[in-house]
N, C-alpha and C. Protein backbone atom coordinates (compact mmCIF):
# COMPACT_ATOMS: atom_id res chain seq x y z
N MET A 1 101.47 32.55 109.24
CA MET A 1 102.89 32.74 108.97
C MET A 1 103.24 34.22 109.13
N PRO A 2 104.30 34.53 109.88
CA PRO A 2 104.65 35.94 110.11
C PRO A 2 105.22 36.60 108.85
N VAL A 3 105.17 37.92 108.86
CA VAL A 3 105.77 38.69 107.77
C VAL A 3 107.28 38.53 107.85
N THR A 4 107.90 38.30 106.70
CA THR A 4 109.35 38.16 106.64
C THR A 4 109.94 39.28 105.79
N VAL A 5 111.15 39.67 106.14
CA VAL A 5 111.90 40.65 105.35
C VAL A 5 113.06 39.91 104.72
N ARG A 6 113.23 40.13 103.44
CA ARG A 6 114.28 39.43 102.69
C ARG A 6 114.74 40.31 101.54
N PRO A 7 115.88 39.93 100.92
CA PRO A 7 116.31 40.67 99.74
C PRO A 7 115.34 40.44 98.58
N MET A 8 115.19 41.44 97.76
CA MET A 8 114.34 41.34 96.57
C MET A 8 114.96 40.33 95.59
N THR A 9 114.09 39.64 94.89
CA THR A 9 114.52 38.80 93.77
C THR A 9 113.86 39.34 92.51
N PRO A 10 114.37 39.01 91.34
CA PRO A 10 113.77 39.52 90.10
C PRO A 10 112.27 39.21 89.97
N CYS A 11 111.82 38.10 90.51
CA CYS A 11 110.39 37.78 90.38
C CYS A 11 109.51 38.69 91.23
N ASP A 12 110.11 39.49 92.14
CA ASP A 12 109.35 40.44 92.97
C ASP A 12 109.06 41.75 92.25
N ILE A 13 109.72 42.01 91.15
CA ILE A 13 109.61 43.32 90.50
C ILE A 13 108.17 43.66 90.10
N PRO A 14 107.39 42.76 89.53
CA PRO A 14 105.99 43.14 89.22
C PRO A 14 105.19 43.54 90.47
N ALA A 15 105.42 42.87 91.59
CA ALA A 15 104.71 43.23 92.82
C ALA A 15 105.17 44.59 93.34
N ILE A 16 106.45 44.91 93.19
CA ILE A 16 106.96 46.22 93.60
C ILE A 16 106.36 47.31 92.71
N GLN A 17 106.27 47.03 91.43
CA GLN A 17 105.64 47.99 90.51
C GLN A 17 104.19 48.26 90.93
N ARG A 18 103.46 47.22 91.29
CA ARG A 18 102.06 47.39 91.73
C ARG A 18 102.00 48.15 93.06
N LEU A 19 102.95 47.90 93.95
CA LEU A 19 103.00 48.58 95.24
C LEU A 19 103.13 50.10 95.04
N TYR A 20 104.04 50.50 94.15
CA TYR A 20 104.27 51.92 93.93
C TYR A 20 103.20 52.57 93.05
N ALA A 21 102.27 51.79 92.54
CA ALA A 21 101.13 52.34 91.80
C ALA A 21 99.99 52.71 92.74
N LEU A 22 100.08 52.32 94.00
CA LEU A 22 99.01 52.58 94.97
C LEU A 22 99.03 54.03 95.44
N PRO A 23 97.88 54.57 95.83
CA PRO A 23 97.79 55.99 96.21
C PRO A 23 98.74 56.41 97.33
N ASN A 24 98.86 55.63 98.39
CA ASN A 24 99.73 56.05 99.50
C ASN A 24 101.20 56.05 99.11
N ALA A 25 101.62 55.10 98.30
CA ALA A 25 103.01 55.08 97.86
C ALA A 25 103.29 56.30 96.98
N GLN A 26 102.36 56.65 96.13
CA GLN A 26 102.55 57.82 95.26
C GLN A 26 102.58 59.11 96.07
N SER A 27 101.71 59.22 97.07
CA SER A 27 101.66 60.47 97.83
C SER A 27 102.81 60.58 98.82
N GLY A 28 103.44 59.46 99.19
CA GLY A 28 104.51 59.50 100.17
C GLY A 28 105.91 59.43 99.61
N THR A 29 106.03 59.27 98.29
CA THR A 29 107.34 59.15 97.65
C THR A 29 107.42 60.11 96.47
N LEU A 30 108.53 60.05 95.77
CA LEU A 30 108.68 60.86 94.56
C LEU A 30 108.24 60.10 93.30
N GLN A 31 107.62 58.95 93.47
CA GLN A 31 107.18 58.16 92.32
C GLN A 31 106.02 58.85 91.61
N LEU A 32 105.97 58.67 90.31
CA LEU A 32 104.86 59.20 89.51
C LEU A 32 103.75 58.16 89.39
N PRO A 33 102.52 58.60 89.14
CA PRO A 33 101.44 57.65 88.91
C PRO A 33 101.73 56.79 87.67
N LEU A 34 101.09 55.66 87.61
CA LEU A 34 101.15 54.74 86.46
C LEU A 34 102.57 54.28 86.15
N PRO A 35 103.29 53.79 87.16
CA PRO A 35 104.66 53.35 86.89
C PRO A 35 104.66 52.11 85.99
N SER A 36 105.52 52.11 85.01
CA SER A 36 105.56 50.97 84.09
C SER A 36 106.41 49.85 84.66
N LEU A 37 106.07 48.66 84.29
CA LEU A 37 106.86 47.50 84.70
C LEU A 37 108.26 47.59 84.12
N LEU A 38 108.37 48.06 82.88
CA LEU A 38 109.68 48.20 82.25
C LEU A 38 110.59 49.14 83.04
N MET A 39 110.05 50.26 83.51
CA MET A 39 110.83 51.20 84.30
C MET A 39 111.35 50.52 85.57
N TRP A 40 110.48 49.78 86.26
CA TRP A 40 110.89 49.10 87.48
C TRP A 40 111.89 47.98 87.19
N GLU A 41 111.72 47.29 86.09
CA GLU A 41 112.69 46.25 85.73
C GLU A 41 114.07 46.86 85.49
N LYS A 42 114.11 48.00 84.79
CA LYS A 42 115.39 48.68 84.55
C LYS A 42 116.00 49.16 85.87
N ARG A 43 115.19 49.71 86.73
CA ARG A 43 115.66 50.27 87.99
C ARG A 43 116.20 49.20 88.94
N LEU A 44 115.56 48.04 88.96
CA LEU A 44 115.90 47.04 89.96
C LEU A 44 116.74 45.87 89.44
N SER A 45 116.99 45.84 88.16
CA SER A 45 117.85 44.79 87.61
C SER A 45 119.31 45.21 87.75
N ASN A 46 120.15 44.30 88.13
CA ASN A 46 121.60 44.55 88.24
C ASN A 46 121.93 45.72 89.16
N LEU A 47 121.42 45.67 90.38
CA LEU A 47 121.73 46.73 91.35
C LEU A 47 123.21 46.73 91.68
N PRO A 48 123.81 47.92 91.85
CA PRO A 48 125.22 47.98 92.27
C PRO A 48 125.40 47.36 93.65
N ASP A 49 126.64 47.06 94.00
CA ASP A 49 126.93 46.42 95.28
C ASP A 49 126.54 47.27 96.48
N ASP A 50 126.48 48.58 96.32
CA ASP A 50 126.18 49.46 97.45
C ASP A 50 124.70 49.86 97.53
N VAL A 51 123.85 49.14 96.78
CA VAL A 51 122.42 49.38 96.81
C VAL A 51 121.72 48.09 97.24
N TYR A 52 120.83 48.23 98.20
CA TYR A 52 120.13 47.08 98.76
C TYR A 52 118.63 47.28 98.59
N CYS A 53 117.95 46.24 98.19
CA CYS A 53 116.50 46.30 98.01
C CYS A 53 115.89 45.19 98.85
N LEU A 54 115.16 45.59 99.88
CA LEU A 54 114.50 44.64 100.77
C LEU A 54 113.01 44.66 100.51
N VAL A 55 112.38 43.50 100.69
CA VAL A 55 110.93 43.42 100.59
C VAL A 55 110.39 42.77 101.86
N ALA A 56 109.17 43.16 102.20
CA ALA A 56 108.42 42.50 103.27
C ALA A 56 107.38 41.62 102.59
N GLU A 57 107.37 40.36 102.99
CA GLU A 57 106.48 39.38 102.36
C GLU A 57 105.53 38.80 103.39
N ASP A 58 104.26 38.76 103.04
CA ASP A 58 103.22 38.20 103.92
C ASP A 58 102.45 37.16 103.12
N ASN A 59 102.62 35.91 103.48
CA ASN A 59 101.92 34.81 102.80
C ASN A 59 102.11 34.86 101.29
N GLY A 60 103.33 35.10 100.85
CA GLY A 60 103.64 35.11 99.43
C GLY A 60 103.36 36.42 98.72
N ASN A 61 102.85 37.42 99.43
CA ASN A 61 102.54 38.72 98.84
C ASN A 61 103.52 39.79 99.33
N ILE A 62 104.02 40.62 98.42
CA ILE A 62 104.90 41.71 98.77
C ILE A 62 104.04 42.83 99.35
N VAL A 63 104.30 43.18 100.63
CA VAL A 63 103.50 44.19 101.32
C VAL A 63 104.32 45.43 101.69
N GLY A 64 105.60 45.42 101.34
CA GLY A 64 106.44 46.58 101.59
C GLY A 64 107.77 46.42 100.89
N GLN A 65 108.41 47.56 100.64
CA GLN A 65 109.72 47.56 99.97
C GLN A 65 110.54 48.70 100.55
N LEU A 66 111.83 48.45 100.72
CA LEU A 66 112.76 49.47 101.20
C LEU A 66 114.00 49.42 100.33
N GLY A 67 114.37 50.57 99.80
CA GLY A 67 115.61 50.70 99.04
C GLY A 67 116.61 51.47 99.88
N PHE A 68 117.82 50.94 99.96
CA PHE A 68 118.86 51.51 100.83
C PHE A 68 120.16 51.58 100.05
N GLU A 69 120.81 52.74 100.12
CA GLU A 69 122.03 52.95 99.33
C GLU A 69 123.09 53.62 100.19
N THR A 70 124.31 53.10 100.10
CA THR A 70 125.42 53.78 100.76
C THR A 70 125.93 54.85 99.82
N ASN A 71 126.40 55.94 100.40
CA ASN A 71 126.85 57.06 99.60
C ASN A 71 128.14 56.71 98.85
N LYS A 72 128.21 57.09 97.60
CA LYS A 72 129.36 56.77 96.75
C LYS A 72 130.52 57.75 96.90
N HIS A 73 130.24 58.95 97.34
CA HIS A 73 131.28 59.98 97.45
C HIS A 73 132.27 59.57 98.53
N VAL A 74 133.54 59.66 98.23
CA VAL A 74 134.60 59.20 99.13
C VAL A 74 134.50 59.83 100.52
N ARG A 75 134.07 61.06 100.62
CA ARG A 75 134.00 61.73 101.92
C ARG A 75 132.68 61.50 102.64
N ARG A 76 131.74 60.77 101.97
CA ARG A 76 130.44 60.46 102.61
C ARG A 76 130.15 58.96 102.61
N ARG A 77 131.18 58.16 102.57
CA ARG A 77 130.97 56.71 102.57
C ARG A 77 130.46 56.18 103.90
N HIS A 78 130.45 57.00 104.90
CA HIS A 78 129.93 56.61 106.22
C HIS A 78 128.41 56.82 106.31
N VAL A 79 127.79 57.22 105.20
CA VAL A 79 126.38 57.61 105.19
C VAL A 79 125.58 56.69 104.26
N GLY A 80 124.38 56.34 104.70
CA GLY A 80 123.43 55.63 103.85
C GLY A 80 122.13 56.42 103.81
N GLU A 81 121.34 56.16 102.78
CA GLU A 81 120.05 56.84 102.62
C GLU A 81 119.03 55.80 102.17
N PHE A 82 117.79 55.97 102.61
CA PHE A 82 116.77 55.00 102.22
C PHE A 82 115.44 55.67 101.93
N GLY A 83 114.61 54.90 101.22
CA GLY A 83 113.22 55.25 100.97
C GLY A 83 112.42 53.97 101.01
N MET A 84 111.15 54.08 101.30
CA MET A 84 110.35 52.87 101.42
C MET A 84 108.88 53.14 101.15
N ALA A 85 108.14 52.06 100.96
CA ALA A 85 106.69 52.14 100.81
C ALA A 85 106.08 50.87 101.40
N VAL A 86 104.90 51.04 101.96
CA VAL A 86 104.13 49.92 102.50
C VAL A 86 102.82 49.87 101.75
N HIS A 87 102.38 48.67 101.42
CA HIS A 87 101.12 48.47 100.70
C HIS A 87 99.98 49.17 101.46
N ASP A 88 99.11 49.83 100.73
CA ASP A 88 98.00 50.57 101.33
C ASP A 88 97.20 49.74 102.32
N ASP A 89 96.98 48.47 102.04
CA ASP A 89 96.17 47.60 102.91
C ASP A 89 96.92 47.12 104.14
N HIS A 90 98.20 47.45 104.25
CA HIS A 90 99.01 46.95 105.37
C HIS A 90 99.63 48.07 106.20
N ILE A 91 99.22 49.30 105.96
CA ILE A 91 99.72 50.44 106.74
C ILE A 91 99.23 50.29 108.18
N GLY A 92 100.13 50.56 109.12
CA GLY A 92 99.78 50.47 110.54
C GLY A 92 99.89 49.08 111.12
N LYS A 93 100.44 48.14 110.37
CA LYS A 93 100.55 46.75 110.83
C LYS A 93 101.99 46.35 111.17
N GLY A 94 102.90 47.32 111.25
CA GLY A 94 104.27 47.02 111.64
C GLY A 94 105.21 46.68 110.50
N ILE A 95 104.74 46.76 109.27
CA ILE A 95 105.57 46.41 108.11
C ILE A 95 106.76 47.37 107.99
N GLY A 96 106.49 48.66 108.10
CA GLY A 96 107.57 49.65 108.01
C GLY A 96 108.62 49.43 109.08
N GLY A 97 108.19 49.13 110.28
CA GLY A 97 109.13 48.87 111.37
C GLY A 97 110.01 47.65 111.11
N LEU A 98 109.44 46.61 110.53
CA LEU A 98 110.24 45.42 110.18
C LEU A 98 111.29 45.75 109.14
N LEU A 99 110.91 46.51 108.12
CA LEU A 99 111.86 46.90 107.08
C LEU A 99 112.97 47.78 107.65
N ILE A 100 112.61 48.75 108.47
CA ILE A 100 113.62 49.65 109.05
C ILE A 100 114.55 48.88 109.99
N THR A 101 114.01 47.96 110.77
CA THR A 101 114.83 47.14 111.66
C THR A 101 115.89 46.37 110.88
N ALA A 102 115.48 45.75 109.78
CA ALA A 102 116.42 44.99 108.94
C ALA A 102 117.48 45.92 108.34
N MET A 103 117.05 47.09 107.89
CA MET A 103 117.99 48.04 107.28
C MET A 103 118.98 48.56 108.31
N ILE A 104 118.53 48.88 109.51
CA ILE A 104 119.42 49.37 110.56
C ILE A 104 120.42 48.30 110.97
N ASP A 105 119.98 47.05 111.06
CA ASP A 105 120.91 45.96 111.37
C ASP A 105 122.00 45.88 110.31
N LEU A 106 121.62 45.95 109.07
CA LEU A 106 122.58 45.93 107.98
C LEU A 106 123.56 47.10 108.09
N ALA A 107 123.03 48.30 108.30
CA ALA A 107 123.86 49.51 108.37
C ALA A 107 124.80 49.50 109.57
N ASP A 108 124.28 49.14 110.74
CA ASP A 108 125.06 49.22 111.97
C ASP A 108 126.03 48.06 112.14
N ASN A 109 125.61 46.86 111.78
CA ASN A 109 126.37 45.67 112.14
C ASN A 109 127.14 45.03 111.00
N TRP A 110 126.89 45.47 109.78
CA TRP A 110 127.54 44.81 108.65
C TRP A 110 128.24 45.78 107.71
N ILE A 111 127.67 46.96 107.51
CA ILE A 111 128.26 47.93 106.59
C ILE A 111 129.09 48.97 107.34
N ASN A 112 128.86 49.10 108.65
CA ASN A 112 129.60 50.02 109.49
C ASN A 112 129.34 51.48 109.13
N LEU A 113 128.07 51.82 108.95
CA LEU A 113 127.72 53.21 108.67
C LEU A 113 127.53 53.97 109.97
N ARG A 114 127.88 55.24 109.94
CA ARG A 114 127.69 56.09 111.11
C ARG A 114 126.37 56.85 111.07
N ARG A 115 125.85 57.06 109.87
CA ARG A 115 124.70 57.95 109.69
C ARG A 115 123.77 57.38 108.63
N ILE A 116 122.47 57.45 108.89
CA ILE A 116 121.45 57.07 107.91
C ILE A 116 120.54 58.28 107.72
N GLU A 117 120.29 58.64 106.47
CA GLU A 117 119.48 59.81 106.16
C GLU A 117 118.21 59.41 105.41
N LEU A 118 117.22 60.28 105.50
CA LEU A 118 115.98 60.10 104.73
C LEU A 118 115.33 61.46 104.53
N THR A 119 114.44 61.50 103.58
CA THR A 119 113.61 62.68 103.32
C THR A 119 112.16 62.23 103.40
N VAL A 120 111.32 63.00 104.09
CA VAL A 120 109.92 62.65 104.26
C VAL A 120 109.08 63.92 104.15
N TYR A 121 107.93 63.81 103.50
CA TYR A 121 107.04 64.96 103.39
C TYR A 121 106.56 65.36 104.78
N CYS A 122 106.48 66.67 105.01
CA CYS A 122 106.12 67.20 106.32
C CYS A 122 104.71 66.79 106.76
N ASP A 123 103.84 66.48 105.83
CA ASP A 123 102.48 66.10 106.20
C ASP A 123 102.32 64.59 106.41
N ASN A 124 103.39 63.82 106.32
CA ASN A 124 103.34 62.37 106.52
C ASN A 124 103.63 62.07 107.99
N GLU A 125 102.67 62.41 108.85
CA GLU A 125 102.87 62.31 110.29
C GLU A 125 103.12 60.88 110.76
N ALA A 126 102.46 59.91 110.14
CA ALA A 126 102.66 58.51 110.55
C ALA A 126 104.10 58.07 110.28
N ALA A 127 104.64 58.42 109.12
CA ALA A 127 106.01 58.06 108.79
C ALA A 127 106.99 58.78 109.71
N ILE A 128 106.77 60.05 109.96
CA ILE A 128 107.67 60.82 110.85
C ILE A 128 107.69 60.19 112.23
N SER A 129 106.53 59.81 112.73
CA SER A 129 106.44 59.16 114.04
C SER A 129 107.21 57.84 114.04
N LEU A 130 107.07 57.06 112.99
CA LEU A 130 107.79 55.79 112.87
C LEU A 130 109.30 56.04 112.87
N TYR A 131 109.75 56.97 112.08
CA TYR A 131 111.18 57.24 112.01
C TYR A 131 111.74 57.71 113.35
N ARG A 132 110.97 58.52 114.07
CA ARG A 132 111.40 58.98 115.40
C ARG A 132 111.59 57.79 116.35
N LYS A 133 110.72 56.79 116.25
CA LYS A 133 110.84 55.60 117.10
C LYS A 133 112.17 54.89 116.90
N PHE A 134 112.73 55.03 115.72
CA PHE A 134 114.00 54.38 115.41
C PHE A 134 115.20 55.33 115.57
N GLY A 135 114.98 56.47 116.20
CA GLY A 135 116.08 57.37 116.52
C GLY A 135 116.39 58.42 115.47
N PHE A 136 115.54 58.58 114.48
CA PHE A 136 115.77 59.62 113.47
C PHE A 136 115.27 60.96 114.01
N ASP A 137 116.06 61.99 113.78
CA ASP A 137 115.70 63.34 114.18
C ASP A 137 115.59 64.24 112.96
N ILE A 138 114.70 65.23 113.04
CA ILE A 138 114.57 66.22 111.97
C ILE A 138 115.77 67.15 112.04
N GLU A 139 116.46 67.30 110.91
CA GLU A 139 117.62 68.18 110.84
C GLU A 139 117.35 69.43 110.01
N GLY A 140 116.30 69.40 109.21
CA GLY A 140 116.01 70.57 108.39
C GLY A 140 114.73 70.39 107.61
N ARG A 141 114.33 71.46 106.97
CA ARG A 141 113.09 71.47 106.19
C ARG A 141 113.37 72.13 104.85
N SER A 142 112.87 71.52 103.79
CA SER A 142 112.95 72.11 102.44
C SER A 142 111.56 72.57 102.05
N THR A 143 111.43 73.87 101.78
CA THR A 143 110.16 74.45 101.36
C THR A 143 109.95 74.14 99.88
N GLU A 144 108.72 73.78 99.54
CA GLU A 144 108.35 73.42 98.16
C GLU A 144 109.34 72.39 97.59
N TYR A 145 109.60 71.35 98.36
CA TYR A 145 110.55 70.30 98.01
C TYR A 145 110.14 69.55 96.74
N ALA A 146 108.83 69.26 96.61
CA ALA A 146 108.37 68.47 95.47
C ALA A 146 106.97 68.90 95.07
N PHE A 147 106.62 68.60 93.84
CA PHE A 147 105.28 68.86 93.31
C PHE A 147 104.49 67.56 93.41
N ARG A 148 103.36 67.60 94.11
CA ARG A 148 102.56 66.40 94.35
C ARG A 148 101.08 66.74 94.24
N ASN A 149 100.40 66.02 93.41
CA ASN A 149 98.94 66.15 93.29
C ASN A 149 98.51 67.60 93.11
N GLY A 150 99.23 68.32 92.23
CA GLY A 150 98.83 69.68 91.87
C GLY A 150 99.33 70.79 92.75
N GLU A 151 100.17 70.47 93.76
CA GLU A 151 100.68 71.53 94.62
C GLU A 151 102.08 71.18 95.13
N TYR A 152 102.80 72.21 95.57
CA TYR A 152 104.12 72.00 96.13
C TYR A 152 103.99 71.61 97.59
N VAL A 153 104.85 70.69 98.02
CA VAL A 153 104.84 70.23 99.41
C VAL A 153 106.26 70.34 99.98
N ASP A 154 106.30 70.58 101.28
CA ASP A 154 107.57 70.68 102.00
C ASP A 154 108.01 69.29 102.46
N ALA A 155 109.30 69.17 102.74
CA ALA A 155 109.84 67.90 103.24
C ALA A 155 110.82 68.16 104.37
N TYR A 156 110.88 67.21 105.28
CA TYR A 156 111.89 67.21 106.33
C TYR A 156 113.05 66.33 105.90
N HIS A 157 114.22 66.69 106.38
CA HIS A 157 115.40 65.86 106.23
C HIS A 157 115.68 65.32 107.63
N MET A 158 115.74 64.00 107.74
CA MET A 158 115.94 63.35 109.03
C MET A 158 117.19 62.48 108.96
N ALA A 159 117.79 62.25 110.11
CA ALA A 159 118.97 61.39 110.17
C ALA A 159 119.04 60.68 111.51
N ARG A 160 119.72 59.55 111.48
CA ARG A 160 119.98 58.76 112.68
C ARG A 160 121.47 58.42 112.68
N PHE A 161 122.08 58.53 113.84
CA PHE A 161 123.48 58.16 113.98
C PHE A 161 123.59 56.80 114.66
N HIS A 162 124.61 56.05 114.28
CA HIS A 162 124.89 54.77 114.93
C HIS A 162 125.09 55.05 116.42
N PRO A 163 124.31 54.40 117.29
CA PRO A 163 124.38 54.75 118.72
C PRO A 163 125.73 54.46 119.38
N LYS A 164 126.48 53.50 118.89
CA LYS A 164 127.77 53.16 119.50
C LYS A 164 128.92 53.99 118.96
N LEU A 165 128.71 54.66 117.85
CA LEU A 165 129.78 55.40 117.19
C LEU A 165 129.62 56.91 117.30
N HIS A 166 128.52 57.36 117.84
CA HIS A 166 128.28 58.81 117.88
C HIS A 166 128.40 59.31 119.31
């Protein structure tokens, strides 16, 4: 059975909590180690209308998650931002690409966004390469963007414009 991308349901929250407890998710995101189930339940319960949570499912197992939010500021409503993680055992298997494809379809064809933004650590070469495949370009760099595993790390700011509107 192929991997499917679908909206998150409340019963997915424990699997999402376990996903973000894995080493690669922690090193590639702003998540802290040992995430509690209660924190994830609070975060993902009753999402606002402008926040979307997608999961990638493989044979009943959550192997990836993507959170996507449209900007609330009146002058930036044409912009969305996302973050994602792929299960450590499924990196390099196309899961990230499936999640990004679903998110771009939503942004371009249903929400009518002109711009999608993301932040990625400069040393996450696999993610940067994936984002470039989907038309994201590096627009800037933040020095000492975040503290991770005992040291400060830099991050790139990347964006993609809707190809028909730019």
